[in-house]
């Protein structure tokens, strides 16, 4: 019940959470229009269902769950070909050095090899820093399965990026809190 008050001023909640919600939808869909639509539908749903929010976890986590569900529904419904992810932004952005830009481009390509559910798990864990329980709630599974999904996704990212098993993937570097 501690988090119920977060939704009392829905306009403020929207302003605080929109960027993260949009980035999450974009990370799954990689289509600006589809991401904007998914986020709009998620906020509409959250607004309509706000009285049912129990407040046992942060409202932001609850919203991200709705966003992920809307985005994955869109993938299943009409865009099964949308499998790439651009979480790194523009790899040639000012201030990025060559190695970091290369890592971002490599990560972008590797994320495209993951299925949408695995991408969602990676985004929720490494970009939004959600725990396994919150990710499980968003994906409609259990926390142990989230561990398996993330483990397999990270192994796949390692392979796709051509990295040795002991070399880390730069997920934390491109986190978009």
Protein backbone atom coordinates (compact mmCIF):
# COMPACT_ATOMS: atom_id res chain seq x y z
CA UNK A 1 0.00 0.00 0.00
CA UNK A 2 3.00 2.27 0.44
CA UNK A 3 3.20 3.12 -3.26
CA UNK A 4 -0.51 3.91 -3.88
CA UNK A 5 0.06 7.63 -3.44
CA UNK A 6 2.30 7.73 -6.53
CA UNK A 7 -0.80 7.67 -8.74
CA UNK A 8 -2.76 10.36 -6.93
CA UNK A 9 -1.40 13.03 -9.26
CA UNK A 10 -1.45 11.06 -12.52
CA UNK A 11 -0.16 14.02 -14.54
CA UNK A 12 2.96 14.22 -12.40
CA UNK A 13 3.36 10.42 -12.55
CA UNK A 14 3.14 10.64 -16.35
CA UNK A 15 5.81 13.34 -16.51
CA UNK A 16 8.18 11.40 -14.23
CA UNK A 17 7.81 8.09 -16.05
CA UNK A 18 7.16 8.85 -19.72
CA UNK A 19 10.79 8.80 -20.88
CA UNK A 20 11.45 5.40 -19.30
CA UNK A 21 8.16 4.01 -20.61
CA UNK A 22 8.88 5.20 -24.15
CA UNK A 23 12.46 3.87 -24.11
CA UNK A 24 11.17 0.51 -22.94
CA UNK A 25 8.59 0.27 -25.73
CA UNK A 26 11.14 1.52 -28.28
CA UNK A 27 13.67 -1.07 -27.10
CA UNK A 28 11.19 -3.86 -27.74
CA UNK A 29 9.57 -2.55 -30.93
CA UNK A 30 12.25 -0.36 -32.56
CA UNK A 31 9.57 1.63 -34.26
CA UNK A 32 8.81 5.15 -33.07
CA UNK A 33 5.15 5.12 -34.02
CA UNK A 34 4.50 1.68 -32.60
CA UNK A 35 6.37 2.57 -29.40
CA UNK A 36 4.40 5.80 -28.99
CA UNK A 37 1.14 3.89 -29.55
CA UNK A 38 2.09 1.19 -27.06
CA UNK A 39 3.00 3.80 -24.43
CA UNK A 40 -0.21 5.75 -25.06
CA UNK A 41 -2.26 2.56 -24.65
CA UNK A 42 -0.28 1.66 -21.51
CA UNK A 43 -0.94 5.03 -19.87
CA UNK A 44 -4.61 4.87 -20.80
CA UNK A 45 -4.84 1.41 -19.28
CA UNK A 46 -2.92 2.51 -16.16
CA UNK A 47 -5.19 5.51 -15.73
CA UNK A 48 -8.33 3.39 -16.06
CA UNK A 49 -6.98 0.73 -13.69
CA UNK A 50 -5.28 3.02 -11.16
CA UNK A 51 -7.86 2.24 -8.48
CA UNK A 52 -6.93 -1.44 -8.74
CA UNK A 53 -3.22 -0.74 -8.21
CA UNK A 54 -2.44 -2.32 -4.83
CA UNK A 55 0.71 -0.30 -4.15
CA UNK A 56 2.86 -3.25 -3.11
CA UNK A 57 5.64 -2.19 -5.50
CA UNK A 58 6.55 1.15 -7.09
CA UNK A 59 3.98 2.43 -9.56
CA UNK A 60 6.80 2.84 -12.10
CA UNK A 61 7.36 -0.95 -12.06
CA UNK A 62 3.63 -1.52 -12.49
CA UNK A 63 3.57 0.87 -15.45
CA UNK A 64 6.62 -0.75 -17.07
CA UNK A 65 4.87 -4.10 -16.81
CA UNK A 66 1.91 -2.66 -18.72
CA UNK A 67 4.26 -1.10 -21.32
CA UNK A 68 6.10 -4.39 -21.84
CA UNK A 69 2.83 -6.27 -22.21
CA UNK A 70 1.51 -3.75 -24.74
CA UNK A 71 4.75 -3.81 -26.73
CA UNK A 72 4.96 -7.61 -26.76
CA UNK A 73 1.30 -7.80 -27.77
CA UNK A 74 2.07 -5.48 -30.68
CA UNK A 75 5.00 -7.68 -31.74
CA UNK A 76 2.81 -10.79 -31.60
CA UNK A 77 -0.12 -9.09 -33.33
CA UNK A 78 1.31 -7.31 -36.30
CA UNK A 79 5.07 -6.89 -36.26
CA UNK A 80 6.80 -10.23 -35.75
CA UNK A 81 9.65 -8.93 -37.92
CA UNK A 82 10.54 -6.18 -35.41
CA UNK A 83 13.44 -7.92 -33.72
CA UNK A 84 16.18 -5.28 -33.54
CA UNK A 85 16.97 -2.94 -30.67
CA UNK A 86 18.69 0.42 -30.58
CA UNK A 87 19.24 1.04 -26.89
CA UNK A 88 22.65 2.53 -27.50
CA UNK A 89 21.36 5.57 -29.36
CA UNK A 90 23.49 7.04 -32.10
CA UNK A 91 26.87 5.33 -31.90
CA UNK A 92 28.47 8.34 -33.58
CA UNK A 93 27.09 10.82 -31.03
CA UNK A 94 29.48 13.59 -29.96
CA UNK A 95 31.60 12.58 -26.99
CA UNK A 96 31.57 8.85 -27.74
CA UNK A 97 35.01 7.49 -28.39
CA UNK A 98 35.56 4.93 -31.14
CA UNK A 99 35.71 1.92 -28.80
CA UNK A 100 32.49 2.87 -27.03
CA UNK A 101 30.72 3.54 -30.33
CA UNK A 102 31.87 0.15 -31.56
CA UNK A 103 30.55 -1.49 -28.37
CA UNK A 104 27.21 0.25 -28.80
CA UNK A 105 26.89 -0.80 -32.43
CA UNK A 106 27.91 -4.35 -31.57
CA UNK A 107 25.42 -4.47 -28.69
CA UNK A 108 22.69 -3.07 -30.92
CA UNK A 109 23.25 -5.79 -33.50
CA UNK A 110 23.47 -8.51 -30.84
CA UNK A 111 20.25 -7.38 -29.16
CA UNK A 112 18.54 -7.73 -32.52
CA UNK A 113 19.28 -11.45 -32.39
CA UNK A 114 17.23 -11.89 -29.21
CA UNK A 115 13.52 -12.67 -29.22
CA UNK A 116 11.27 -9.84 -27.95
CA UNK A 117 10.66 -11.48 -24.55
CA UNK A 118 14.40 -11.87 -23.92
CA UNK A 119 14.98 -8.27 -25.03
CA UNK A 120 12.28 -7.14 -22.62
CA UNK A 121 13.96 -9.04 -19.77
CA UNK A 122 17.36 -7.53 -20.58
CA UNK A 123 15.92 -4.01 -20.85
CA UNK A 124 14.02 -4.32 -17.57
CA UNK A 125 17.02 -5.75 -15.72
CA UNK A 126 19.94 -3.76 -17.10
CA UNK A 127 18.33 -0.50 -18.18
CA UNK A 128 15.65 -0.13 -15.50
CA UNK A 129 17.47 -2.09 -12.77
CA UNK A 130 14.36 -4.11 -11.85
CA UNK A 131 14.78 -7.24 -9.77
CA UNK A 132 13.78 -10.72 -10.93
CA UNK A 133 10.43 -10.58 -9.14
CA UNK A 134 9.43 -7.35 -10.90
CA UNK A 135 10.58 -8.69 -14.27
CA UNK A 136 8.67 -11.91 -13.63
CA UNK A 137 5.52 -9.91 -12.99
CA UNK A 138 6.04 -7.94 -16.21
CA UNK A 139 6.63 -11.06 -18.29
CA UNK A 140 3.99 -13.23 -16.64
CA UNK A 141 6.43 -15.85 -15.37
CA UNK A 142 8.31 -16.65 -12.15
CA UNK A 143 11.58 -15.23 -10.83
CA UNK A 144 13.50 -18.46 -11.44
CA UNK A 145 12.46 -18.41 -15.10
CA UNK A 146 13.63 -14.80 -15.36
CA UNK A 147 17.07 -15.97 -14.26
CA UNK A 148 17.06 -18.58 -17.02
CA UNK A 149 15.84 -16.07 -19.62
CA UNK A 150 18.54 -13.56 -18.64
CA UNK A 151 21.27 -16.20 -18.52
CA UNK A 152 20.41 -17.45 -22.00
CA UNK A 153 20.07 -13.90 -23.33
CA UNK A 154 23.49 -12.92 -21.98
CA UNK A 155 25.05 -16.07 -23.44
CA UNK A 156 23.49 -15.23 -26.80
CA UNK A 157 24.73 -11.65 -26.58
CA UNK A 158 28.25 -12.93 -25.85
CA UNK A 159 28.14 -15.17 -28.92
CA UNK A 160 26.63 -12.52 -31.17
CA UNK A 161 29.20 -9.95 -30.09
CA UNK A 162 32.04 -12.44 -30.61
CA UNK A 163 33.27 -11.95 -27.06
CA UNK A 164 35.13 -14.49 -24.96
CA UNK A 165 33.09 -15.96 -22.09
CA UNK A 166 35.06 -13.98 -19.52
CA UNK A 167 34.60 -10.61 -21.24
CA UNK A 168 31.68 -8.54 -20.02
CA UNK A 169 29.01 -7.00 -22.18
CA UNK A 170 28.78 -3.19 -21.82
CA UNK A 171 25.10 -3.21 -20.74
CA UNK A 172 25.66 -0.97 -17.73
CA UNK A 173 27.41 1.66 -19.85
CA UNK A 174 24.32 2.35 -21.92
CA UNK A 175 21.75 2.18 -19.12
CA UNK A 176 18.91 4.65 -19.58
CA UNK A 177 17.44 4.83 -16.04
